[in-house]
Amino acid sequence: MMMQQTFNRRFSPNRRRTRVGALLHVDDTVVPVVIMDVSFDGMKLSVPEDLSQGTAVSVEILQETIPAIVHWSKTRFAGLHLLRRLDRDTLVALENAHDDLAEFR
């Protein structure tokens, strides 16, 4: 007997929800964004305007600047592939960060 099951390709056991303000560097422009979730290799951002897939960017957070590529973009959100894997301490700090939006989590 074959079991019917749907597969969520976007599920990642390492993805951590958060709401942390950050700065996104795109070309010569700096844009305030909110990190919605984060993993060792990527993050989902709430952005003020759509970004083109493949755009080279960097995210400034916790006194670090992390280079990334826009993997996808869809109506006020963007997914980034990080070019430098986050270390565990940074990932935990982002997950546990308390900022102005923490009360809405």
N, C-alpha and C. Protein backbone atom coordinates (compact mmCIF):
# COMPACT_ATOMS: atom_id res chain seq x y z
N MET A 1 0.83 -1.17 0.00
CA MET A 1 0.00 0.00 0.00
C MET A 1 0.89 1.25 0.00
N MET A 2 0.66 2.14 -0.94
CA MET A 2 1.47 3.35 -1.07
C MET A 2 0.83 4.50 -0.27
N MET A 3 1.65 5.20 0.47
CA MET A 3 1.16 6.29 1.30
C MET A 3 1.18 7.59 0.50
N GLN A 4 0.08 8.32 0.54
CA GLN A 4 -0.01 9.62 -0.13
C GLN A 4 0.45 10.70 0.84
N GLN A 5 1.46 11.46 0.44
CA GLN A 5 1.99 12.50 1.31
C GLN A 5 2.44 13.66 0.46
N THR A 6 2.17 14.87 0.91
CA THR A 6 2.67 16.04 0.19
C THR A 6 4.02 16.41 0.75
N PHE A 7 4.85 16.95 -0.09
CA PHE A 7 6.21 17.31 0.28
C PHE A 7 6.36 18.82 0.19
N ASN A 8 6.77 19.44 1.27
CA ASN A 8 7.00 20.88 1.30
C ASN A 8 8.47 21.13 1.00
N ARG A 9 8.79 21.51 -0.24
CA ARG A 9 10.18 21.70 -0.63
C ARG A 9 10.83 22.89 0.07
N ARG A 10 10.02 23.78 0.63
CA ARG A 10 10.57 24.96 1.28
C ARG A 10 10.85 24.72 2.76
N PHE A 11 10.45 23.57 3.29
CA PHE A 11 10.70 23.29 4.71
C PHE A 11 12.19 23.12 4.96
N SER A 12 12.66 23.76 5.98
CA SER A 12 14.05 23.61 6.39
C SER A 12 14.09 23.50 7.90
N PRO A 13 14.59 22.39 8.43
CA PRO A 13 14.64 22.26 9.89
C PRO A 13 15.55 23.29 10.54
N ASN A 14 16.41 23.91 9.77
CA ASN A 14 17.33 24.92 10.32
C ASN A 14 16.80 26.34 10.20
N ARG A 15 15.63 26.53 9.58
CA ARG A 15 15.07 27.87 9.41
C ARG A 15 14.51 28.34 10.74
N ARG A 16 14.90 29.56 11.12
CA ARG A 16 14.45 30.13 12.39
C ARG A 16 13.65 31.39 12.12
N ARG A 17 12.49 31.50 12.71
CA ARG A 17 11.68 32.72 12.56
C ARG A 17 12.25 33.83 13.43
N THR A 18 12.14 35.04 12.92
CA THR A 18 12.61 36.21 13.66
C THR A 18 11.94 37.44 13.06
N ARG A 19 12.15 38.56 13.63
CA ARG A 19 11.76 39.85 13.06
C ARG A 19 12.81 40.85 13.51
N VAL A 20 13.85 40.95 12.73
CA VAL A 20 15.00 41.78 13.08
C VAL A 20 15.23 42.81 11.99
N GLY A 21 15.35 44.06 12.38
CA GLY A 21 15.67 45.10 11.43
C GLY A 21 17.11 44.98 10.96
N ALA A 22 17.34 45.27 9.68
CA ALA A 22 18.68 45.19 9.10
C ALA A 22 18.78 46.22 7.99
N LEU A 23 19.98 46.37 7.47
CA LEU A 23 20.20 47.24 6.31
C LEU A 23 20.65 46.38 5.15
N LEU A 24 20.01 46.60 4.00
CA LEU A 24 20.35 45.86 2.79
C LEU A 24 21.08 46.81 1.85
N HIS A 25 22.29 46.43 1.45
CA HIS A 25 23.08 47.22 0.51
C HIS A 25 22.86 46.66 -0.89
N VAL A 26 22.27 47.49 -1.77
CA VAL A 26 22.01 47.12 -3.15
C VAL A 26 22.67 48.19 -4.02
N ASP A 27 23.69 47.81 -4.76
CA ASP A 27 24.49 48.77 -5.52
C ASP A 27 25.00 49.85 -4.56
N ASP A 28 24.66 51.11 -4.81
CA ASP A 28 25.11 52.19 -3.93
C ASP A 28 23.99 52.67 -3.01
N THR A 29 22.95 51.88 -2.86
CA THR A 29 21.79 52.25 -2.06
C THR A 29 21.72 51.38 -0.81
N VAL A 30 21.34 51.99 0.30
CA VAL A 30 21.12 51.26 1.55
C VAL A 30 19.64 51.34 1.87
N VAL A 31 19.02 50.16 2.05
CA VAL A 31 17.57 50.07 2.25
C VAL A 31 17.29 49.37 3.58
N PRO A 32 16.44 49.96 4.44
CA PRO A 32 16.06 49.25 5.66
C PRO A 32 15.12 48.10 5.33
N VAL A 33 15.37 46.93 5.92
CA VAL A 33 14.57 45.73 5.69
C VAL A 33 14.32 45.05 7.03
N VAL A 34 13.45 44.04 7.02
CA VAL A 34 13.21 43.23 8.21
C VAL A 34 13.49 41.78 7.83
N ILE A 35 14.32 41.12 8.62
CA ILE A 35 14.60 39.69 8.41
C ILE A 35 13.45 38.92 9.03
N MET A 36 12.73 38.14 8.21
CA MET A 36 11.56 37.39 8.66
C MET A 36 11.92 35.99 9.14
N ASP A 37 12.85 35.35 8.45
CA ASP A 37 13.40 34.08 8.91
C ASP A 37 14.82 33.94 8.40
N VAL A 38 15.57 33.07 9.07
CA VAL A 38 16.98 32.95 8.76
C VAL A 38 17.42 31.51 8.96
N SER A 39 18.36 31.07 8.15
CA SER A 39 18.99 29.77 8.32
C SER A 39 20.49 29.97 8.11
N PHE A 40 21.25 28.90 8.19
CA PHE A 40 22.69 29.01 8.00
C PHE A 40 23.06 29.57 6.62
N ASP A 41 22.24 29.25 5.60
CA ASP A 41 22.58 29.59 4.22
C ASP A 41 21.68 30.63 3.56
N GLY A 42 20.66 31.12 4.25
CA GLY A 42 19.76 32.06 3.60
C GLY A 42 18.87 32.79 4.57
N MET A 43 18.09 33.72 4.02
CA MET A 43 17.12 34.45 4.83
C MET A 43 16.00 34.99 3.96
N LYS A 44 14.86 35.18 4.59
CA LYS A 44 13.71 35.80 3.95
C LYS A 44 13.59 37.20 4.52
N LEU A 45 13.45 38.18 3.62
CA LEU A 45 13.36 39.57 4.02
C LEU A 45 12.03 40.17 3.63
N SER A 46 11.56 41.09 4.44
CA SER A 46 10.46 41.97 4.06
C SER A 46 11.15 43.22 3.51
N VAL A 47 10.86 43.54 2.24
CA VAL A 47 11.56 44.63 1.56
C VAL A 47 10.56 45.68 1.08
N PRO A 48 10.99 46.94 0.98
CA PRO A 48 10.06 47.99 0.55
C PRO A 48 9.72 47.94 -0.94
N GLU A 49 10.59 47.33 -1.75
CA GLU A 49 10.31 47.18 -3.19
C GLU A 49 10.93 45.89 -3.70
N ASP A 50 10.38 45.38 -4.79
CA ASP A 50 10.86 44.12 -5.34
C ASP A 50 12.32 44.23 -5.80
N LEU A 51 13.03 43.13 -5.66
CA LEU A 51 14.42 43.04 -6.10
C LEU A 51 14.50 42.06 -7.24
N SER A 52 15.43 42.25 -8.15
CA SER A 52 15.60 41.34 -9.28
C SER A 52 16.36 40.11 -8.84
N GLN A 53 15.88 38.96 -9.29
CA GLN A 53 16.56 37.70 -9.01
C GLN A 53 17.98 37.76 -9.56
N GLY A 54 18.95 37.30 -8.78
CA GLY A 54 20.34 37.29 -9.20
C GLY A 54 21.12 38.53 -8.80
N THR A 55 20.46 39.51 -8.20
CA THR A 55 21.14 40.74 -7.78
C THR A 55 22.09 40.46 -6.62
N ALA A 56 23.30 40.96 -6.71
CA ALA A 56 24.27 40.85 -5.61
C ALA A 56 23.94 41.92 -4.57
N VAL A 57 23.81 41.51 -3.32
CA VAL A 57 23.49 42.41 -2.22
C VAL A 57 24.35 42.05 -1.03
N SER A 58 24.26 42.84 0.03
CA SER A 58 24.85 42.45 1.31
C SER A 58 23.91 42.93 2.41
N VAL A 59 23.86 42.17 3.49
CA VAL A 59 22.99 42.46 4.62
C VAL A 59 23.86 42.88 5.78
N GLU A 60 23.56 44.03 6.35
CA GLU A 60 24.30 44.54 7.50
C GLU A 60 23.47 44.28 8.76
N ILE A 61 23.99 43.41 9.63
CA ILE A 61 23.28 43.04 10.84
C ILE A 61 24.29 42.65 11.92
N LEU A 62 24.02 43.00 13.15
CA LEU A 62 24.87 42.64 14.28
C LEU A 62 26.34 42.95 14.02
N GLN A 63 26.60 44.13 13.51
CA GLN A 63 27.95 44.60 13.20
C GLN A 63 28.70 43.70 12.23
N GLU A 64 27.95 42.99 11.39
CA GLU A 64 28.51 42.15 10.32
C GLU A 64 27.90 42.58 9.00
N THR A 65 28.64 42.40 7.94
CA THR A 65 28.11 42.59 6.59
C THR A 65 28.25 41.26 5.87
N ILE A 66 27.10 40.71 5.48
CA ILE A 66 27.06 39.36 4.91
C ILE A 66 26.71 39.46 3.43
N PRO A 67 27.59 39.02 2.53
CA PRO A 67 27.29 39.05 1.10
C PRO A 67 26.25 37.99 0.73
N ALA A 68 25.39 38.33 -0.24
CA ALA A 68 24.31 37.41 -0.63
C ALA A 68 23.88 37.67 -2.07
N ILE A 69 23.08 36.75 -2.59
CA ILE A 69 22.47 36.87 -3.91
C ILE A 69 20.95 36.74 -3.73
N VAL A 70 20.18 37.57 -4.42
CA VAL A 70 18.72 37.46 -4.37
C VAL A 70 18.33 36.18 -5.11
N HIS A 71 17.76 35.25 -4.38
CA HIS A 71 17.35 33.95 -4.94
C HIS A 71 15.95 34.03 -5.53
N TRP A 72 15.05 34.77 -4.86
CA TRP A 72 13.69 34.97 -5.35
C TRP A 72 13.16 36.28 -4.77
N SER A 73 12.15 36.82 -5.44
CA SER A 73 11.51 38.05 -4.98
C SER A 73 10.04 37.99 -5.36
N LYS A 74 9.18 38.33 -4.40
CA LYS A 74 7.75 38.27 -4.65
C LYS A 74 7.04 39.27 -3.74
N THR A 75 6.41 40.26 -4.31
CA THR A 75 5.58 41.24 -3.63
C THR A 75 5.99 41.53 -2.18
N ARG A 76 6.96 42.40 -2.04
CA ARG A 76 7.42 42.90 -0.74
C ARG A 76 8.24 41.90 0.08
N PHE A 77 8.60 40.77 -0.50
CA PHE A 77 9.45 39.80 0.18
C PHE A 77 10.56 39.36 -0.78
N ALA A 78 11.68 38.95 -0.22
CA ALA A 78 12.78 38.44 -1.03
C ALA A 78 13.51 37.36 -0.25
N GLY A 79 13.98 36.37 -0.98
CA GLY A 79 14.78 35.30 -0.38
C GLY A 79 16.22 35.45 -0.83
N LEU A 80 17.13 35.41 0.12
CA LEU A 80 18.55 35.56 -0.18
C LEU A 80 19.29 34.26 0.05
N HIS A 81 20.23 33.98 -0.83
CA HIS A 81 21.19 32.89 -0.62
C HIS A 81 22.47 33.56 -0.13
N LEU A 82 22.90 33.21 1.07
CA LEU A 82 24.08 33.83 1.66
C LEU A 82 25.35 33.22 1.05
N LEU A 83 26.29 34.07 0.70
CA LEU A 83 27.55 33.61 0.10
C LEU A 83 28.55 33.20 1.16
N ARG A 84 28.24 33.51 2.41
CA ARG A 84 29.07 33.07 3.54
C ARG A 84 28.11 32.49 4.58
N ARG A 85 28.29 31.24 4.87
CA ARG A 85 27.41 30.54 5.82
C ARG A 85 27.49 31.21 7.20
N LEU A 86 26.32 31.43 7.82
CA LEU A 86 26.29 32.03 9.16
C LEU A 86 26.84 31.03 10.18
N ASP A 87 27.55 31.55 11.16
CA ASP A 87 27.97 30.66 12.24
C ASP A 87 26.81 30.50 13.22
N ARG A 88 26.89 29.50 14.06
CA ARG A 88 25.80 29.16 14.97
C ARG A 88 25.46 30.33 15.90
N ASP A 89 26.47 31.01 16.42
CA ASP A 89 26.23 32.11 17.36
C ASP A 89 25.45 33.25 16.72
N THR A 90 25.76 33.57 15.47
CA THR A 90 25.03 34.63 14.76
C THR A 90 23.60 34.20 14.51
N LEU A 91 23.40 32.95 14.10
CA LEU A 91 22.05 32.44 13.85
C LEU A 91 21.21 32.50 15.12
N VAL A 92 21.76 32.07 16.24
CA VAL A 92 21.03 32.10 17.51
C VAL A 92 20.77 33.55 17.94
N ALA A 93 21.74 34.44 17.74
CA ALA A 93 21.54 35.85 18.09
C ALA A 93 20.42 36.47 17.27
N LEU A 94 20.34 36.14 15.98
CA LEU A 94 19.26 36.65 15.14
C LEU A 94 17.91 36.10 15.58
N GLU A 95 17.90 34.83 15.93
CA GLU A 95 16.65 34.22 16.38
C GLU A 95 16.16 34.85 17.68
N ASN A 96 17.07 35.17 18.56
CA ASN A 96 16.71 35.67 19.88
C ASN A 96 16.78 37.19 20.01
N ALA A 97 17.07 37.87 18.92
CA ALA A 97 17.25 39.33 18.98
C ALA A 97 15.98 40.02 19.46
N HIS A 98 16.19 40.99 20.32
CA HIS A 98 15.09 41.82 20.78
C HIS A 98 15.27 43.19 20.15
N ASP A 99 14.28 43.60 19.39
CA ASP A 99 14.34 44.90 18.75
C ASP A 99 12.97 45.54 18.86
N ASP A 100 12.74 46.61 18.14
CA ASP A 100 11.47 47.32 18.21
C ASP A 100 10.28 46.46 17.78
N LEU A 101 10.51 45.43 16.98
CA LEU A 101 9.40 44.61 16.47
C LEU A 101 9.19 43.35 17.31
N ALA A 102 10.02 43.10 18.31
CA ALA A 102 9.95 41.85 19.06
C ALA A 102 8.59 41.61 19.68
N GLU A 103 7.91 42.66 20.12
CA GLU A 103 6.61 42.48 20.76
C GLU A 103 5.54 41.96 19.80
N PHE A 104 5.76 42.06 18.50
CA PHE A 104 4.78 41.62 17.51
C PHE A 104 5.02 40.17 17.07
N ARG A 105 6.08 39.54 17.53
CA ARG A 105 6.36 38.16 17.15
C ARG A 105 5.39 37.21 17.77
